[in-house]
Amino acid sequence: MKHETLLRTFAGLILICCLSAHAQVNGYWRASSSTARTITGDVGLADEKLTINFYSTTMSRIRALEATEVSAVFDTDSSTGTSGSLYRLNIPAAKKFQHKNSLCGSENVHWMVAYAQGNSLQLAFFSGEKPPIFTFDAIADSTDKCGTFSYVR
């Protein structure tokens, strides 16, 4: 009986941690990197919506990413145990944002990776119909990676 209660408590804590990590991404974020200021400007994230420069699109959270997968996309330390999320969305190549820039040139954006830690957020956008492969070599050789963007609260 005690073992079962302990197991349920542990499972509940893991679920709460996962949900709070996902919720940490939600909210209004100010562009902090030069690419974010030049292309997207400030962004807003909600459970199923991404807003860039007054343009909103729906998105679906596909799965959580492990720390090693996040570090393959962003310059993070994989030993910290942080996680990110992979989202599916559709932003047409014809959609222009700040200074008439698009997110991925002539390619539609189909995937987004979000990683938040403290008061900072990093986003990466990918084209391609298939989900990106999150290894250092695959990301380095990827022709589908559109760019990475940094934000602060």
C-alpha atoms as a PDB file:
ATOM      1  CA  MET A   1       0.000   0.000   0.000  1.00  0.00           C
ATOM      2  CA  LYS A   2       2.783   2.466   0.912  1.00  0.00           C
ATOM      3  CA  HIS A   3       4.691   1.557  -2.250  1.00  0.00           C
ATOM      4  CA  GLU A   4       1.590   2.239  -4.390  1.00  0.00           C
ATOM      5  CA  THR A   5       0.979   5.615  -2.719  1.00  0.00           C
ATOM      6  CA  LEU A   6       4.615   6.590  -3.167  1.00  0.00           C
ATOM      7  CA  LEU A   7       4.475   5.602  -6.838  1.00  0.00           C
ATOM      8  CA  ARG A   8       1.307   7.669  -7.418  1.00  0.00           C
ATOM      9  CA  THR A   9       2.843  10.675  -5.676  1.00  0.00           C
ATOM     10  CA  PHE A  10       5.992  10.415  -7.778  1.00  0.00           C
ATOM     11  CA  ALA A  11       3.955  10.123 -11.007  1.00  0.00           C
ATOM     12  CA  GLY A  12       1.911  13.154  -9.993  1.00  0.00           C
ATOM     13  CA  LEU A  13       5.033  15.236  -9.355  1.00  0.00           C
ATOM     14  CA  ILE A  14       6.453  14.317 -12.749  1.00  0.00           C
ATOM     15  CA  LEU A  15       3.186  15.340 -14.429  1.00  0.00           C
ATOM     16  CA  ILE A  16       3.146  18.669 -12.587  1.00  0.00           C
ATOM     17  CA  CYS A  17       6.761  19.372 -13.579  1.00  0.00           C
ATOM     18  CA  CYS A  18       6.027  18.613 -17.229  1.00  0.00           C
ATOM     19  CA  LEU A  19       2.932  20.813 -17.264  1.00  0.00           C
ATOM     20  CA  SER A  20       4.691  23.719 -15.553  1.00  0.00           C
ATOM     21  CA  ALA A  21       7.616  23.511 -18.001  1.00  0.00           C
ATOM     22  CA  HIS A  22       5.160  23.743 -20.888  1.00  0.00           C
ATOM     23  CA  ALA A  23       3.249  26.602 -19.249  1.00  0.00           C
ATOM     24  CA  GLN A  24       6.519  28.483 -18.653  1.00  0.00           C
ATOM     25  CA  VAL A  25       6.707  29.170 -22.404  1.00  0.00           C
ATOM     26  CA  ASN A  26       3.292  30.867 -22.500  1.00  0.00           C
ATOM     27  CA  GLY A  27       3.032  34.637 -22.386  1.00  0.00           C
ATOM     28  CA  TYR A  28       4.407  37.761 -24.013  1.00  0.00           C
ATOM     29  CA  TRP A  29       8.111  37.814 -24.938  1.00  0.00           C
ATOM     30  CA  ARG A  30      10.234  40.773 -26.118  1.00  0.00           C
ATOM     31  CA  ALA A  31      12.704  40.210 -28.941  1.00  0.00           C
ATOM     32  CA  SER A  32      16.258  40.229 -27.593  1.00  0.00           C
ATOM     33  CA  SER A  33      18.484  38.820 -30.347  1.00  0.00           C
ATOM     34  CA  SER A  34      19.212  40.792 -33.498  1.00  0.00           C
ATOM     35  CA  THR A  35      17.490  38.140 -35.627  1.00  0.00           C
ATOM     36  CA  ALA A  36      14.364  38.328 -33.470  1.00  0.00           C
ATOM     37  CA  ARG A  37      14.314  42.137 -33.586  1.00  0.00           C
ATOM     38  CA  THR A  38      14.868  42.109 -37.370  1.00  0.00           C
ATOM     39  CA  ILE A  39      12.452  39.332 -38.351  1.00  0.00           C
ATOM     40  CA  THR A  40       9.777  38.555 -35.750  1.00  0.00           C
ATOM     41  CA  GLY A  41       9.685  41.381 -33.272  1.00  0.00           C
ATOM     42  CA  ASP A  42       7.957  40.490 -30.025  1.00  0.00           C
ATOM     43  CA  VAL A  43       5.994  37.231 -29.784  1.00  0.00           C
ATOM     44  CA  GLY A  44       3.174  35.822 -27.732  1.00  0.00           C
ATOM     45  CA  LEU A  45       2.566  32.161 -26.974  1.00  0.00           C
ATOM     46  CA  ALA A  46      -0.555  30.516 -25.625  1.00  0.00           C
ATOM     47  CA  ASP A  47      -1.454  26.839 -25.333  1.00  0.00           C
ATOM     48  CA  GLU A  48      -2.467  26.524 -28.986  1.00  0.00           C
ATOM     49  CA  LYS A  49      -1.542  29.867 -30.528  1.00  0.00           C
ATOM     50  CA  LEU A  50       1.582  31.712 -31.623  1.00  0.00           C
ATOM     51  CA  THR A  51       1.426  35.449 -32.312  1.00  0.00           C
ATOM     52  CA  ILE A  52       4.188  37.187 -34.253  1.00  0.00           C
ATOM     53  CA  ASN A  53       3.877  40.868 -35.116  1.00  0.00           C
ATOM     54  CA  PHE A  54       0.047  40.813 -34.824  1.00  0.00           C
ATOM     55  CA  TYR A  55      -0.197  37.626 -36.932  1.00  0.00           C
ATOM     56  CA  SER A  56      -1.673  34.646 -35.081  1.00  0.00           C
ATOM     57  CA  THR A  57      -1.500  31.010 -36.079  1.00  0.00           C
ATOM     58  CA  THR A  58      -2.567  27.835 -34.378  1.00  0.00           C
ATOM     59  CA  MET A  59       0.013  25.364 -33.175  1.00  0.00           C
ATOM     60  CA  SER A  60      -0.069  21.910 -31.632  1.00  0.00           C
ATOM     61  CA  ARG A  61       2.392  20.651 -29.072  1.00  0.00           C
ATOM     62  CA  ILE A  62       3.739  17.376 -30.414  1.00  0.00           C
ATOM     63  CA  ARG A  63       6.079  16.276 -27.647  1.00  0.00           C
ATOM     64  CA  ALA A  64       8.564  17.284 -25.008  1.00  0.00           C
ATOM     65  CA  LEU A  65      12.217  17.367 -26.007  1.00  0.00           C
ATOM     66  CA  GLU A  66      14.949  16.001 -23.775  1.00  0.00           C
ATOM     67  CA  ALA A  67      17.894  18.131 -22.706  1.00  0.00           C
ATOM     68  CA  THR A  68      20.229  16.564 -25.287  1.00  0.00           C
ATOM     69  CA  GLU A  69      17.726  17.316 -28.068  1.00  0.00           C
ATOM     70  CA  VAL A  70      17.391  20.940 -26.936  1.00  0.00           C
ATOM     71  CA  SER A  71      21.168  21.349 -26.783  1.00  0.00           C
ATOM     72  CA  ALA A  72      21.414  20.090 -30.386  1.00  0.00           C
ATOM     73  CA  VAL A  73      19.236  23.020 -31.502  1.00  0.00           C
ATOM     74  CA  PHE A  74      20.337  25.758 -29.095  1.00  0.00           C
ATOM     75  CA  ASP A  75      23.591  26.495 -27.307  1.00  0.00           C
ATOM     76  CA  THR A  76      22.557  24.970 -23.976  1.00  0.00           C
ATOM     77  CA  ASP A  77      24.179  22.656 -21.473  1.00  0.00           C
ATOM     78  CA  SER A  78      22.566  19.223 -21.815  1.00  0.00           C
ATOM     79  CA  SER A  79      23.605  18.266 -18.280  1.00  0.00           C
ATOM     80  CA  THR A  80      21.186  20.782 -16.716  1.00  0.00           C
ATOM     81  CA  GLY A  81      18.225  18.511 -17.385  1.00  0.00           C
ATOM     82  CA  THR A  82      16.191  21.239 -19.043  1.00  0.00           C
ATOM     83  CA  SER A  83      13.605  20.361 -21.638  1.00  0.00           C
ATOM     84  CA  GLY A  84      11.842  22.051 -24.498  1.00  0.00           C
ATOM     85  CA  SER A  85       8.874  21.345 -26.729  1.00  0.00           C
ATOM     86  CA  LEU A  86       8.290  20.564 -30.379  1.00  0.00           C
ATOM     87  CA  TYR A  87       5.265  22.209 -32.000  1.00  0.00           C
ATOM     88  CA  ARG A  88       3.552  21.688 -35.347  1.00  0.00           C
ATOM     89  CA  LEU A  89       2.305  24.807 -37.126  1.00  0.00           C
ATOM     90  CA  ASN A  90       1.949  26.287 -40.596  1.00  0.00           C
ATOM     91  CA  ILE A  91       3.319  29.716 -41.480  1.00  0.00           C
ATOM     92  CA  PRO A  92       3.292  30.392 -45.225  1.00  0.00           C
ATOM     93  CA  ALA A  93       6.499  31.553 -46.880  1.00  0.00           C
ATOM     94  CA  ALA A  94       4.581  34.533 -48.276  1.00  0.00           C
ATOM     95  CA  LYS A  95       3.882  35.842 -44.744  1.00  0.00           C
ATOM     96  CA  LYS A  96       6.119  38.831 -44.022  1.00  0.00           C
ATOM     97  CA  PHE A  97       6.952  40.147 -40.575  1.00  0.00           C
ATOM     98  CA  GLN A  98       9.303  42.911 -39.375  1.00  0.00           C
ATOM     99  CA  HIS A  99      11.049  44.821 -42.180  1.00  0.00           C
ATOM    100  CA  LYS A 100       9.228  42.629 -44.757  1.00  0.00           C
ATOM    101  CA  ASN A 101      11.219  39.539 -43.710  1.00  0.00           C
ATOM    102  CA  SER A 102       9.883  35.995 -43.760  1.00  0.00           C
ATOM    103  CA  LEU A 103      10.798  33.289 -41.268  1.00  0.00           C
ATOM    104  CA  CYS A 104      12.259  30.817 -43.754  1.00  0.00           C
ATOM    105  CA  GLY A 105      12.803  32.506 -47.108  1.00  0.00           C
ATOM    106  CA  SER A 106      10.716  30.769 -49.774  1.00  0.00           C
ATOM    107  CA  GLU A 107       9.848  27.770 -47.542  1.00  0.00           C
ATOM    108  CA  ASN A 108       6.743  27.300 -45.386  1.00  0.00           C
ATOM    109  CA  VAL A 109       7.430  26.849 -41.671  1.00  0.00           C
ATOM    110  CA  HIS A 110       5.997  23.601 -40.271  1.00  0.00           C
ATOM    111  CA  TRP A 111       7.853  23.056 -36.982  1.00  0.00           C
ATOM    112  CA  MET A 112       8.864  25.145 -33.989  1.00  0.00           C
ATOM    113  CA  VAL A 113      11.050  24.266 -31.022  1.00  0.00           C
ATOM    114  CA  ALA A 114      10.577  26.313 -27.858  1.00  0.00           C
ATOM    115  CA  TYR A 115      12.921  26.341 -24.888  1.00  0.00           C
ATOM    116  CA  ALA A 116      12.369  28.602 -21.887  1.00  0.00           C
ATOM    117  CA  GLN A 117      14.594  29.013 -18.865  1.00  0.00           C
ATOM    118  CA  GLY A 118      13.922  31.694 -16.304  1.00  0.00           C
ATOM    119  CA  ASN A 119      13.129  34.945 -18.095  1.00  0.00           C
ATOM    120  CA  SER A 120      14.490  33.882 -21.468  1.00  0.00           C
ATOM    121  CA  LEU A 121      12.941  32.034 -24.379  1.00  0.00           C
ATOM    122  CA  GLN A 122      14.528  30.594 -27.479  1.00  0.00           C
ATOM    123  CA  LEU A 123      12.588  29.578 -30.574  1.00  0.00           C
ATOM    124  CA  ALA A 124      13.796  27.704 -33.630  1.00  0.00           C
ATOM    125  CA  PHE A 125      11.737  27.315 -36.785  1.00  0.00           C
ATOM    126  CA  PHE A 126      11.988  24.507 -39.334  1.00  0.00           C
ATOM    127  CA  SER A 127      10.536  23.882 -42.764  1.00  0.00           C
ATOM    128  CA  GLY A 128       9.987  20.392 -44.158  1.00  0.00           C
ATOM    129  CA  GLU A 129       7.064  18.030 -43.830  1.00  0.00           C
ATOM    130  CA  LYS A 130       8.853  15.581 -41.530  1.00  0.00           C
ATOM    131  CA  PRO A 131       9.804  16.499 -37.952  1.00  0.00           C
ATOM    132  CA  PRO A 132      13.439  17.512 -37.469  1.00  0.00           C
ATOM    133  CA  ILE A 133      15.907  14.981 -36.117  1.00  0.00           C
ATOM    134  CA  PHE A 134      17.403  16.344 -32.907  1.00  0.00           C
ATOM    135  CA  THR A 135      21.027  15.256 -32.951  1.00  0.00           C
ATOM    136  CA  PHE A 136      24.030  17.575 -33.277  1.00  0.00           C
ATOM    137  CA  ASP A 137      24.988  16.177 -36.683  1.00  0.00           C
ATOM    138  CA  ALA A 138      21.448  16.199 -38.080  1.00  0.00           C
ATOM    139  CA  ILE A 139      20.814  19.787 -36.984  1.00  0.00           C
ATOM    140  CA  ALA A 140      24.224  20.951 -38.279  1.00  0.00           C
ATOM    141  CA  ASP A 141      23.528  19.354 -41.680  1.00  0.00           C
ATOM    142  CA  SER A 142      19.838  20.308 -41.815  1.00  0.00           C
ATOM    143  CA  THR A 143      18.587  22.370 -44.731  1.00  0.00           C
ATOM    144  CA  ASP A 144      15.214  22.704 -42.962  1.00  0.00           C
ATOM    145  CA  LYS A 145      16.404  24.847 -40.040  1.00  0.00           C
ATOM    146  CA  CYS A 146      15.200  28.381 -40.714  1.00  0.00           C
ATOM    147  CA  GLY A 147      16.732  30.181 -37.755  1.00  0.00           C
ATOM    148  CA  THR A 148      16.868  30.642 -34.009  1.00  0.00           C
ATOM    149  CA  PHE A 149      15.467  33.605 -32.124  1.00  0.00           C
ATOM    150  CA  SER A 150      15.913  34.814 -28.532  1.00  0.00           C
ATOM    151  CA  TYR A 151      13.403  36.629 -26.325  1.00  0.00           C
ATOM    152  CA  VAL A 152      13.125  37.927 -22.761  1.00  0.00           C
ATOM    153  CA  ARG A 153      10.255  38.751 -20.400  1.00  0.00           C
END
